[in-house]
């Protein structure tokens, strides 16, 4: 089992920044990908970004490219999502997840994720 705990959410004005963290604990794996997803009220969950842990390859949704950056700290088993130039439409609950399946590019947005965190609220005011 893998436990994922997100932190760093909050309220920020449009144009501001936040950094989300997702700390992983429990069983470790040789190869996996960690992703960030978000779900706004009344909308379906959508892919935000992913990072292939062993090679640090990153993938982003078009809506966040150039504004968000995903990174990882192997020593801390933690993945980060740096969010800059935030917009009101970025308001959502952000969750991190782990997939044990191989993925790359757009595949990381649709592959099955095996473990999920509880999520952290991000609210961007206009």
Foldseek 3Di string as FASTA:
>chain_A
DKAKAKDWADEEAAQAKIKMKIFIDDDDDPWKKKFKWWDDPPGDIFTAKMATPPVRDIEGDPVQPPFWDWDDDVVRNMIMIIGGRDDQVVWTWMKMFMQPDDDDYPRVGPDDTDDIYPTDTHGYHD
